[in-house]
Amino acid sequence: IRDIQPNKKTPHLELYFDRRDSSSLPHGDKEPVDLFFGQEKWRGTIRT
């Protein structure tokens, strides 16, 4: 989890992964991915 605008008053958090893990992720500019936090499912899009 990174704050991509660290000089702003409120954080702007985004989730990044290492390039070496790209093969475990969908490949594209805006690919859907479901994240499961416990029983909650959240859908986001990833760019690889």
All heavy atoms as atom14 arrays in JSON, in Angstrom:
{
  "sequence": "IRDIQPNKKTPHLELYFDRRDSSSLPHGDKEPVDLFFGQEKWRGTIRT",
  "atom14_mask": [
    [1, 1, 1, 1, 1, 1, 1, 1, 0, 0, 0, 0, 0, 0],
    [1, 1, 1, 1, 1, 1, 1, 1, 1, 1, 1, 0, 0, 0],
    [1, 1, 1, 1, 1, 1, 1, 1, 0, 0, 0, 0, 0, 0],
    [1, 1, 1, 1, 1, 1, 1, 1, 0, 0, 0, 0, 0, 0],
    [1, 1, 1, 1, 1, 1, 1, 1, 1, 0, 0, 0, 0, 0],
    [1, 1, 1, 1, 1, 1, 1, 0, 0, 0, 0, 0, 0, 0],
    [1, 1, 1, 1, 1, 1, 1, 1, 0, 0, 0, 0, 0, 0],
    [1, 1, 1, 1, 1, 1, 1, 1, 1, 0, 0, 0, 0, 0],
    [1, 1, 1, 1, 1, 1, 1, 1, 1, 0, 0, 0, 0, 0],
    [1, 1, 1, 1, 1, 1, 1, 0, 0, 0, 0, 0, 0, 0],
    [1, 1, 1, 1, 1, 1, 1, 0, 0, 0, 0, 0, 0, 0],
    [1, 1, 1, 1, 1, 1, 1, 1, 1, 1, 0, 0, 0, 0],
    [1, 1, 1, 1, 1, 1, 1, 1, 0, 0, 0, 0, 0, 0],
    [1, 1, 1, 1, 1, 1, 1, 1, 1, 0, 0, 0, 0, 0],
    [1, 1, 1, 1, 1, 1, 1, 1, 0, 0, 0, 0, 0, 0],
    [1, 1, 1, 1, 1, 1, 1, 1, 1, 1, 1, 1, 0, 0],
    [1, 1, 1, 1, 1, 1, 1, 1, 1, 1, 1, 0, 0, 0],
    [1, 1, 1, 1, 1, 1, 1, 1, 0, 0, 0, 0, 0, 0],
    [1, 1, 1, 1, 1, 1, 1, 1, 1, 1, 1, 0, 0, 0],
    [1, 1, 1, 1, 1, 1, 1, 1, 1, 1, 1, 0, 0, 0],
    [1, 1, 1, 1, 1, 1, 1, 1, 0, 0, 0, 0, 0, 0],
    [1, 1, 1, 1, 1, 1, 0, 0, 0, 0, 0, 0, 0, 0],
    [1, 1, 1, 1, 1, 1, 0, 0, 0, 0, 0, 0, 0, 0],
    [1, 1, 1, 1, 1, 1, 0, 0, 0, 0, 0, 0, 0, 0],
    [1, 1, 1, 1, 1, 1, 1, 1, 0, 0, 0, 0, 0, 0],
    [1, 1, 1, 1, 1, 1, 1, 0, 0, 0, 0, 0, 0, 0],
    [1, 1, 1, 1, 1, 1, 1, 1, 1, 1, 0, 0, 0, 0],
    [1, 1, 1, 1, 0, 0, 0, 0, 0, 0, 0, 0, 0, 0],
    [1, 1, 1, 1, 1, 1, 1, 1, 0, 0, 0, 0, 0, 0],
    [1, 1, 1, 1, 1, 1, 1, 1, 1, 0, 0, 0, 0, 0],
    [1, 1, 1, 1, 1, 1, 1, 1, 1, 0, 0, 0, 0, 0],
    [1, 1, 1, 1, 1, 1, 1, 0, 0, 0, 0, 0, 0, 0],
    [1, 1, 1, 1, 1, 1, 1, 0, 0, 0, 0, 0, 0, 0],
    [1, 1, 1, 1, 1, 1, 1, 1, 0, 0, 0, 0, 0, 0],
    [1, 1, 1, 1, 1, 1, 1, 1, 0, 0, 0, 0, 0, 0],
    [1, 1, 1, 1, 1, 1, 1, 1, 1, 1, 1, 0, 0, 0],
    [1, 1, 1, 1, 1, 1, 1, 1, 1, 1, 1, 0, 0, 0],
    [1, 1, 1, 1, 0, 0, 0, 0, 0, 0, 0, 0, 0, 0],
    [1, 1, 1, 1, 1, 1, 1, 1, 1, 0, 0, 0, 0, 0],
    [1, 1, 1, 1, 1, 1, 1, 1, 1, 0, 0, 0, 0, 0],
    [1, 1, 1, 1, 1, 1, 1, 1, 1, 0, 0, 0, 0, 0],
    [1, 1, 1, 1, 1, 1, 1, 1, 1, 1, 1, 1, 1, 1],
    [1, 1, 1, 1, 1, 1, 1, 1, 1, 1, 1, 0, 0, 0],
    [1, 1, 1, 1, 0, 0, 0, 0, 0, 0, 0, 0, 0, 0],
    [1, 1, 1, 1, 1, 1, 1, 0, 0, 0, 0, 0, 0, 0],
    [1, 1, 1, 1, 1, 1, 1, 1, 0, 0, 0, 0, 0, 0],
    [1, 1, 1, 1, 1, 1, 1, 1, 1, 1, 1, 0, 0, 0],
    [1, 1, 1, 1, 1, 1, 1, 0, 0, 0, 0, 0, 0, 0]
  ],
  "atom14_positions": [
    [[0.86, -1.18, 0.0], [0.0, 0.0, 0.0], [0.9, 1.23, 0.0], [1.76, 1.38, 0.87], [-0.95, 0.01, 1.21], [-1.89, -1.19, 1.13], [-1.74, 1.32, 1.25], [-2.84, -1.31, 2.28], [0.0, 0.0, 0.0], [0.0, 0.0, 0.0], [0.0, 0.0, 0.0], [0.0, 0.0, 0.0], [0.0, 0.0, 0.0], [0.0, 0.0, 0.0]],
    [[0.68, 2.09, -0.99], [1.48, 3.31, -1.13], [0.58, 4.53, -1.14], [-0.52, 4.5, -1.67], [2.25, 3.3, -2.45], [3.27, 2.23, -2.57], [4.02, 2.4, -3.87], [4.92, 1.28, -4.09], [5.52, 1.02, -5.22], [5.31, 1.8, -6.27], [6.33, 0.0, -5.34], [0.0, 0.0, 0.0], [0.0, 0.0, 0.0], [0.0, 0.0, 0.0]],
    [[1.11, 5.6, -0.56], [0.46, 6.91, -0.68], [1.11, 7.57, -1.89], [2.27, 7.94, -1.84], [0.68, 7.73, 0.59], [-0.03, 9.07, 0.56], [-0.58, 9.43, -0.5], [-0.03, 9.75, 1.59], [0.0, 0.0, 0.0], [0.0, 0.0, 0.0], [0.0, 0.0, 0.0], [0.0, 0.0, 0.0], [0.0, 0.0, 0.0], [0.0, 0.0, 0.0]],
    [[0.35, 7.67, -2.97], [0.94, 8.19, -4.21], [1.01, 9.71, -4.24], [1.56, 10.28, -5.18], [0.22, 7.64, -5.46], [-1.23, 8.09, -5.51], [0.34, 6.12, -5.51], [-1.89, 7.81, -6.85], [0.0, 0.0, 0.0], [0.0, 0.0, 0.0], [0.0, 0.0, 0.0], [0.0, 0.0, 0.0], [0.0, 0.0, 0.0], [0.0, 0.0, 0.0]],
    [[0.45, 10.37, -3.22], [0.55, 11.83, -3.11], [0.93, 12.17, -1.66], [0.14, 12.76, -0.92], [-0.76, 12.5, -3.5], [-1.11, 12.29, -4.95], [-2.43, 12.96, -5.32], [-3.23, 13.35, -4.5], [-2.63, 13.11, -6.62], [0.0, 0.0, 0.0], [0.0, 0.0, 0.0], [0.0, 0.0, 0.0], [0.0, 0.0, 0.0], [0.0, 0.0, 0.0]],
    [[2.15, 11.8, -1.24], [2.53, 11.93, 0.17], [2.58, 13.36, 0.7], [2.56, 13.55, 1.91], [3.91, 11.27, 0.22], [4.43, 11.34, -1.17], [3.22, 11.27, -2.06], [0.0, 0.0, 0.0], [0.0, 0.0, 0.0], [0.0, 0.0, 0.0], [0.0, 0.0, 0.0], [0.0, 0.0, 0.0], [0.0, 0.0, 0.0], [0.0, 0.0, 0.0]],
    [[2.63, 14.34, -0.18], [2.7, 15.73, 0.29], [1.33, 16.36, 0.49], [1.22, 17.51, 0.9], [3.53, 16.58, -0.67], [4.97, 16.12, -0.71], [5.52, 15.69, 0.3], [5.59, 16.18, -1.87], [0.0, 0.0, 0.0], [0.0, 0.0, 0.0], [0.0, 0.0, 0.0], [0.0, 0.0, 0.0], [0.0, 0.0, 0.0], [0.0, 0.0, 0.0]],
    [[0.28, 15.63, 0.19], [-1.09, 16.13, 0.38], [-1.53, 15.89, 1.82], [-1.0, 15.04, 2.53], [-2.07, 15.42, -0.57], [-1.75, 15.61, -2.03], [-2.22, 16.94, -2.5], [-1.96, 17.06, -4.0], [-2.44, 18.27, -4.57], [0.0, 0.0, 0.0], [0.0, 0.0, 0.0], [0.0, 0.0, 0.0], [0.0, 0.0, 0.0], [0.0, 0.0, 0.0]],
    [[-2.55, 16.65, 2.23], [-3.05, 16.56, 3.6], [-3.67, 15.19, 3.89], [-3.47, 14.63, 4.96], [-4.08, 17.66, 3.84], [-4.56, 17.76, 5.25], [-5.48, 18.95, 5.43], [-5.92, 19.05, 6.88], [-6.75, 20.23, 7.1], [0.0, 0.0, 0.0], [0.0, 0.0, 0.0], [0.0, 0.0, 0.0], [0.0, 0.0, 0.0], [0.0, 0.0, 0.0]],
    [[-4.44, 14.66, 2.95], [-5.05, 13.35, 3.13], [-4.35, 12.33, 2.22], [-3.97, 12.67, 1.1], [-6.56, 13.37, 2.81], [-6.74, 13.84, 1.48], [-7.31, 14.27, 3.78], [0.0, 0.0, 0.0], [0.0, 0.0, 0.0], [0.0, 0.0, 0.0], [0.0, 0.0, 0.0], [0.0, 0.0, 0.0], [0.0, 0.0, 0.0], [0.0, 0.0, 0.0]],
    [[-4.2, 11.11, 2.69], [-3.5, 10.11, 1.86], [-4.3, 9.7, 0.63], [-5.53, 9.74, 0.64], [-3.32, 8.92, 2.82], [-4.35, 9.1, 3.87], [-4.62, 10.58, 3.98], [0.0, 0.0, 0.0], [0.0, 0.0, 0.0], [0.0, 0.0, 0.0], [0.0, 0.0, 0.0], [0.0, 0.0, 0.0], [0.0, 0.0, 0.0], [0.0, 0.0, 0.0]],
    [[-3.6, 9.34, -0.4], [-4.18, 8.81, -1.63], [-3.57, 7.42, -1.81], [-2.49, 7.27, -2.39], [-3.84, 9.73, -2.81], [-4.58, 9.38, -4.05], [-5.74, 9.99, -4.42], [-4.33, 8.45, -5.0], [-6.17, 9.47, -5.55], [-5.32, 8.53, -5.93], [0.0, 0.0, 0.0], [0.0, 0.0, 0.0], [0.0, 0.0, 0.0], [0.0, 0.0, 0.0]],
    [[-4.24, 6.4, -1.26], [-3.67, 5.06, -1.18], [-3.98, 4.22, -2.4], [-5.11, 4.19, -2.87], [-4.2, 4.35, 0.07], [-3.96, 5.06, 1.41], [-4.56, 4.26, 2.54], [-2.49, 5.32, 1.64], [0.0, 0.0, 0.0], [0.0, 0.0, 0.0], [0.0, 0.0, 0.0], [0.0, 0.0, 0.0], [0.0, 0.0, 0.0], [0.0, 0.0, 0.0]],
    [[-2.96, 3.53, -2.88], [-3.12, 2.57, -3.97], [-2.35, 1.3, -3.63], [-1.42, 1.33, -2.82], [-2.64, 3.16, -5.3], [-3.57, 4.22, -5.82], [-3.35, 4.57, -7.28], [-2.38, 4.11, -7.88], [-4.18, 5.34, -7.8], [0.0, 0.0, 0.0], [0.0, 0.0, 0.0], [0.0, 0.0, 0.0], [0.0, 0.0, 0.0], [0.0, 0.0, 0.0]],
    [[-2.75, 0.21, -4.24], [-2.16, -1.11, -4.0], [-1.3, -1.49, -5.2], [-1.78, -1.54, -6.32], [-3.27, -2.14, -3.78], [-2.86, -3.57, -3.51], [-2.02, -3.68, -2.24], [-4.1, -4.46, -3.4], [0.0, 0.0, 0.0], [0.0, 0.0, 0.0], [0.0, 0.0, 0.0], [0.0, 0.0, 0.0], [0.0, 0.0, 0.0], [0.0, 0.0, 0.0]],
    [[-0.02, -1.75, -4.93], [0.96, -2.13, -5.96], [1.47, -3.53, -5.69], [1.44, -4.0, -4.55], [2.16, -1.18, -5.93], [1.91, 0.15, -6.56], [1.17, 1.13, -5.91], [2.42, 0.45, -7.81], [0.94, 2.36, -6.48], [2.2, 1.69, -8.39], [1.46, 2.63, -7.72], [1.23, 3.86, -8.29], [0.0, 0.0, 0.0], [0.0, 0.0, 0.0]],
    [[1.97, -4.18, -6.74], [2.6, -5.48, -6.62], [3.96, -5.44, -7.29], [4.22, -4.59, -8.15], [1.73, -6.57, -7.27], [0.47, -6.84, -6.53], [-0.69, -6.13, -6.82], [0.43, -7.78, -5.53], [-1.86, -6.35, -6.13], [-0.74, -8.01, -4.82], [-1.89, -7.3, -5.12], [0.0, 0.0, 0.0], [0.0, 0.0, 0.0], [0.0, 0.0, 0.0]],
    [[4.84, -6.36, -6.94], [6.15, -6.44, -7.59], [5.99, -6.95, -9.01], [5.1, -7.77, -9.29], [7.07, -7.39, -6.81], [7.44, -6.85, -5.45], [7.49, -5.62, -5.28], [7.67, -7.68, -4.54], [0.0, 0.0, 0.0], [0.0, 0.0, 0.0], [0.0, 0.0, 0.0], [0.0, 0.0, 0.0], [0.0, 0.0, 0.0], [0.0, 0.0, 0.0]],
    [[6.86, -6.49, -9.9], [6.8, -6.94, -11.3], [6.94, -8.45, -11.41], [6.35, -9.07, -12.29], [7.92, -6.26, -12.11], [7.55, -4.89, -12.55], [8.58, -4.35, -13.57], [8.41, -2.92, -13.64], [9.16, -2.04, -12.99], [10.15, -2.44, -12.25], [8.93, -0.75, -13.11], [0.0, 0.0, 0.0], [0.0, 0.0, 0.0], [0.0, 0.0, 0.0]],
    [[7.7, -9.04, -10.52], [7.92, -10.49, -10.59], [6.62, -11.28, -10.39], [6.54, -12.45, -10.72], [8.99, -10.95, -9.6], [8.55, -10.85, -8.16], [9.6, -11.42, -7.22], [9.19, -11.24, -5.85], [9.64, -10.3, -5.05], [10.54, -9.44, -5.47], [9.21, -10.2, -3.81], [0.0, 0.0, 0.0], [0.0, 0.0, 0.0], [0.0, 0.0, 0.0]],
    [[5.59, -10.62, -9.83], [4.3, -11.28, -9.61], [3.32, -11.06, -10.75], [2.17, -11.51, -10.69], [3.68, -10.8, -8.29], [4.46, -11.29, -7.09], [4.97, -12.43, -7.14], [4.57, -10.54, -6.11], [0.0, 0.0, 0.0], [0.0, 0.0, 0.0], [0.0, 0.0, 0.0], [0.0, 0.0, 0.0], [0.0, 0.0, 0.0], [0.0, 0.0, 0.0]],
    [[3.76, -10.39, -11.81], [2.87, -10.08, -12.94], [2.22, -11.32, -13.55], [1.08, -11.28, -13.99], [3.63, -9.33, -14.04], [3.98, -8.05, -13.6], [0.0, 0.0, 0.0], [0.0, 0.0, 0.0], [0.0, 0.0, 0.0], [0.0, 0.0, 0.0], [0.0, 0.0, 0.0], [0.0, 0.0, 0.0], [0.0, 0.0, 0.0], [0.0, 0.0, 0.0]],
    [[2.94, -12.44, -13.54], [2.38, -13.65, -14.16], [1.2, -14.2, -13.37], [0.42, -14.99, -13.9], [3.46, -14.72, -14.3], [3.93, -15.11, -13.01], [0.0, 0.0, 0.0], [0.0, 0.0, 0.0], [0.0, 0.0, 0.0], [0.0, 0.0, 0.0], [0.0, 0.0, 0.0], [0.0, 0.0, 0.0], [0.0, 0.0, 0.0], [0.0, 0.0, 0.0]],
    [[1.03, -13.78, -12.12], [-0.1, -14.22, -11.3], [-1.29, -13.28, -11.4], [-2.32, -13.52, -10.77], [0.33, -14.31, -9.84], [1.35, -15.24, -9.68], [0.0, 0.0, 0.0], [0.0, 0.0, 0.0], [0.0, 0.0, 0.0], [0.0, 0.0, 0.0], [0.0, 0.0, 0.0], [0.0, 0.0, 0.0], [0.0, 0.0, 0.0], [0.0, 0.0, 0.0]],
    [[-1.14, -12.22, -12.2], [-2.18, -11.2, -12.32], [-2.67, -11.12, -13.76], [-1.93, -11.44, -14.69], [-1.61, -9.84, -11.89], [-1.09, -9.76, -10.46], [-0.25, -8.51, -10.26], [-2.24, -9.82, -9.47], [0.0, 0.0, 0.0], [0.0, 0.0, 0.0], [0.0, 0.0, 0.0], [0.0, 0.0, 0.0], [0.0, 0.0, 0.0], [0.0, 0.0, 0.0]],
    [[-3.92, -10.68, -13.97], [-4.4, -10.5, -15.34], [-3.53, -9.48, -16.07], [-3.03, -8.52, -15.46], [-5.81, -9.97, -15.17], [-6.19, -10.24, -13.77], [-4.92, -10.31, -12.99], [0.0, 0.0, 0.0], [0.0, 0.0, 0.0], [0.0, 0.0, 0.0], [0.0, 0.0, 0.0], [0.0, 0.0, 0.0], [0.0, 0.0, 0.0], [0.0, 0.0, 0.0]],
    [[-3.34, -9.67, -17.36], [-2.49, -8.78, -18.14], [-3.36, -7.82, -18.95], [-4.21, -8.24, -19.72], [-1.59, -9.58, -19.08], [-0.58, -8.75, -19.78], [0.5, -8.2, -19.15], [-0.52, -8.35, -21.06], [1.21, -7.5, -20.02], [0.59, -7.57, -21.2], [0.0, 0.0, 0.0], [0.0, 0.0, 0.0], [0.0, 0.0, 0.0], [0.0, 0.0, 0.0]],
    [[-3.14, -6.51, -18.75], [-3.87, -5.52, -19.52], [-3.83, -4.16, -18.84], [-3.16, -3.96, -17.83], [0.0, 0.0, 0.0], [0.0, 0.0, 0.0], [0.0, 0.0, 0.0], [0.0, 0.0, 0.0], [0.0, 0.0, 0.0], [0.0, 0.0, 0.0], [0.0, 0.0, 0.0], [0.0, 0.0, 0.0], [0.0, 0.0, 0.0], [0.0, 0.0, 0.0]],
    [[-4.55, -3.21, -19.44], [-4.57, -1.84, -18.93], [-5.59, -1.62, -17.83], [-5.41, -0.79, -16.95], [-4.86, -0.84, -20.05], [-3.67, -0.67, -20.98], [-2.53, -0.81, -20.5], [-3.89, -0.4, -22.17], [0.0, 0.0, 0.0], [0.0, 0.0, 0.0], [0.0, 0.0, 0.0], [0.0, 0.0, 0.0], [0.0, 0.0, 0.0], [0.0, 0.0, 0.0]],
    [[-6.7, -2.35, -17.88], [-7.77, -2.16, -16.9], [-8.52, -3.48, -16.73], [-9.68, -3.6, -17.11], [-8.7, -1.03, -17.36], [-9.51, -0.43, -16.27], [-10.19, 0.85, -16.74], [-10.85, 1.5, -15.55], [-11.51, 2.74, -15.9], [0.0, 0.0, 0.0], [0.0, 0.0, 0.0], [0.0, 0.0, 0.0], [0.0, 0.0, 0.0], [0.0, 0.0, 0.0]],
    [[-7.83, -4.45, -16.15], [-8.38, -5.79, -16.02], [-9.06, -5.97, -14.67], [-8.51, -5.58, -13.63], [-7.27, -6.83, -16.17], [-6.63, -6.81, -17.54], [-7.61, -7.12, -18.64], [-8.39, -8.07, -18.52], [-7.61, -6.37, -19.65], [0.0, 0.0, 0.0], [0.0, 0.0, 0.0], [0.0, 0.0, 0.0], [0.0, 0.0, 0.0], [0.0, 0.0, 0.0]],
    [[-10.25, -6.57, -14.62], [-10.96, -6.76, -13.36], [-10.28, -7.8, -12.47], [-9.8, -8.82, -12.95], [-12.35, -7.23, -13.77], [-12.17, -7.79, -15.13], [-11.02, -7.07, -15.76], [0.0, 0.0, 0.0], [0.0, 0.0, 0.0], [0.0, 0.0, 0.0], [0.0, 0.0, 0.0], [0.0, 0.0, 0.0], [0.0, 0.0, 0.0], [0.0, 0.0, 0.0]],
    [[-10.23, -7.49, -11.18], [-9.69, -8.4, -10.17], [-10.57, -8.31, -8.93], [-10.93, -7.21, -8.51], [-8.23, -8.04, -9.8], [-7.72, -8.94, -8.67], [-7.31, -8.14, -11.0], [0.0, 0.0, 0.0], [0.0, 0.0, 0.0], [0.0, 0.0, 0.0], [0.0, 0.0, 0.0], [0.0, 0.0, 0.0], [0.0, 0.0, 0.0], [0.0, 0.0, 0.0]],
    [[-10.91, -9.45, -8.37], [-11.66, -9.49, -7.12], [-10.69, -9.67, -5.97], [-9.85, -10.59, -5.99], [-12.66, -10.65, -7.12], [-13.79, -10.43, -8.11], [-14.14, -9.26, -8.39], [-14.34, -11.44, -8.6], [0.0, 0.0, 0.0], [0.0, 0.0, 0.0], [0.0, 0.0, 0.0], [0.0, 0.0, 0.0], [0.0, 0.0, 0.0], [0.0, 0.0, 0.0]],
    [[-10.8, -8.79, -4.98], [-10.03, -8.9, -3.74], [-10.97, -9.37, -2.64], [-12.05, -8.8, -2.47], [-9.45, -7.53, -3.34], [-8.41, -6.91, -4.24], [-8.0, -5.54, -3.69], [-7.19, -7.81, -4.34], [0.0, 0.0, 0.0], [0.0, 0.0, 0.0], [0.0, 0.0, 0.0], [0.0, 0.0, 0.0], [0.0, 0.0, 0.0], [0.0, 0.0, 0.0]],
    [[-10.56, -10.38, -1.92], [-11.36, -10.89, -0.81], [-10.66, -10.53, 0.49], [-9.53, -10.95, 0.73], [-11.53, -12.4, -0.92], [-12.33, -12.83, -2.11], [-11.71, -13.1, -3.32], [-13.71, -12.95, -2.03], [-12.45, -13.49, -4.43], [-14.46, -13.34, -3.13], [-13.82, -13.61, -4.33], [0.0, 0.0, 0.0], [0.0, 0.0, 0.0], [0.0, 0.0, 0.0]],
    [[-11.33, -9.71, 1.3], [-10.86, -9.37, 2.64], [-11.82, -10.08, 3.6], [-12.93, -9.61, 3.82], [-10.92, -7.86, 2.88], [-9.96, -7.08, 2.04], [-10.37, -6.43, 0.9], [-8.62, -6.99, 2.4], [-9.49, -5.7, 0.12], [-7.72, -6.26, 1.63], [-8.16, -5.62, 0.49], [0.0, 0.0, 0.0], [0.0, 0.0, 0.0], [0.0, 0.0, 0.0]],
    [[-11.41, -11.24, 4.11], [-12.33, -12.04, 4.9], [-13.48, -12.47, 4.0], [-13.29, -13.0, 2.92], [0.0, 0.0, 0.0], [0.0, 0.0, 0.0], [0.0, 0.0, 0.0], [0.0, 0.0, 0.0], [0.0, 0.0, 0.0], [0.0, 0.0, 0.0], [0.0, 0.0, 0.0], [0.0, 0.0, 0.0], [0.0, 0.0, 0.0], [0.0, 0.0, 0.0]],
    [[-14.71, -12.18, 4.43], [-15.89, -12.54, 3.66], [-16.31, -11.46, 2.66], [-17.25, -11.65, 1.89], [-17.06, -12.85, 4.6], [-16.81, -14.05, 5.5], [-16.54, -15.32, 4.71], [-17.27, -15.66, 3.79], [-15.48, -16.04, 5.08], [0.0, 0.0, 0.0], [0.0, 0.0, 0.0], [0.0, 0.0, 0.0], [0.0, 0.0, 0.0], [0.0, 0.0, 0.0]],
    [[-15.66, -10.31, 2.71], [-16.04, -9.21, 1.82], [-15.26, -9.28, 0.5], [-14.05, -9.46, 0.5], [-15.76, -7.86, 2.48], [-16.72, -7.54, 3.59], [-16.62, -6.08, 4.02], [-16.56, -5.19, 3.15], [-16.59, -5.86, 5.24], [0.0, 0.0, 0.0], [0.0, 0.0, 0.0], [0.0, 0.0, 0.0], [0.0, 0.0, 0.0], [0.0, 0.0, 0.0]],
    [[-16.01, -9.12, -0.6], [-15.4, -9.1, -1.93], [-15.45, -7.69, -2.47], [-16.48, -7.03, -2.45], [-16.14, -10.04, -2.88], [-15.58, -10.02, -4.3], [-16.2, -11.09, -5.16], [-17.37, -10.52, -5.92], [-17.87, -11.45, -6.97], [0.0, 0.0, 0.0], [0.0, 0.0, 0.0], [0.0, 0.0, 0.0], [0.0, 0.0, 0.0], [0.0, 0.0, 0.0]],
    [[-14.3, -7.22, -2.96], [-14.19, -5.9, -3.58], [-13.58, -6.07, -4.95], [-12.53, -6.7, -5.11], [-13.32, -4.98, -2.71], [-14.03, -4.62, -1.46], [-14.03, -5.32, -0.29], [-14.89, -3.51, -1.26], [-14.83, -4.7, 0.63], [-15.37, -3.59, 0.06], [-15.3, -2.46, -2.08], [-16.24, -2.65, 0.59], [-16.16, -1.52, -1.55], [-16.63, -1.62, -0.24]],
    [[-14.23, -5.52, -5.97], [-13.73, -5.61, -7.34], [-13.03, -4.31, -7.7], [-13.56, -3.21, -7.51], [-14.87, -5.86, -8.32], [-14.35, -5.79, -9.77], [-15.24, -6.44, -10.73], [-14.97, -7.87, -10.62], [-15.46, -8.77, -11.46], [-16.23, -8.41, -12.45], [-15.18, -10.04, -11.33], [0.0, 0.0, 0.0], [0.0, 0.0, 0.0], [0.0, 0.0, 0.0]],
    [[-11.83, -4.46, -8.21], [-11.07, -3.33, -8.71], [-10.52, -3.68, -10.08], [-10.75, -4.77, -10.6], [0.0, 0.0, 0.0], [0.0, 0.0, 0.0], [0.0, 0.0, 0.0], [0.0, 0.0, 0.0], [0.0, 0.0, 0.0], [0.0, 0.0, 0.0], [0.0, 0.0, 0.0], [0.0, 0.0, 0.0], [0.0, 0.0, 0.0], [0.0, 0.0, 0.0]],
    [[-9.8, -2.74, -10.66], [-9.13, -3.02, -11.93], [-7.64, -2.78, -11.75], [-7.22, -1.9, -11.0], [-9.69, -2.14, -13.08], [-9.56, -0.77, -12.73], [-11.14, -2.49, -13.37], [0.0, 0.0, 0.0], [0.0, 0.0, 0.0], [0.0, 0.0, 0.0], [0.0, 0.0, 0.0], [0.0, 0.0, 0.0], [0.0, 0.0, 0.0], [0.0, 0.0, 0.0]],
    [[-6.86, -3.58, -12.45], [-5.41, -3.54, -12.31], [-4.77, -3.24, -13.67], [-5.32, -3.6, -14.72], [-4.89, -4.86, -11.72], [-3.47, -4.7, -11.2], [-5.02, -6.01, -12.7], [-3.03, -5.81, -10.27], [0.0, 0.0, 0.0], [0.0, 0.0, 0.0], [0.0, 0.0, 0.0], [0.0, 0.0, 0.0], [0.0, 0.0, 0.0], [0.0, 0.0, 0.0]],
    [[-3.65, -2.58, -13.62], [-2.88, -2.29, -14.83], [-1.53, -2.98, -14.72], [-0.82, -2.81, -13.73], [-2.69, -0.79, -14.99], [-1.99, -0.46, -16.29], [-1.96, 1.02, -16.54], [-1.57, 1.21, -17.92], [-1.64, 2.36, -18.54], [-2.11, 3.42, -17.92], [-1.27, 2.47, -19.79], [0.0, 0.0, 0.0], [0.0, 0.0, 0.0], [0.0, 0.0, 0.0]],
    [[-1.2, -3.76, -15.74], [0.05, -4.51, -15.72], [0.88, -4.31, -16.99], [1.83, -5.04, -17.22], [-0.24, -6.02, -15.56], [-1.09, -6.43, -16.61], [-0.87, -6.33, -14.22], [0.0, 0.0, 0.0], [0.0, 0.0, 0.0], [0.0, 0.0, 0.0], [0.0, 0.0, 0.0], [0.0, 0.0, 0.0], [0.0, 0.0, 0.0], [0.0, 0.0, 0.0]]
  ]
}
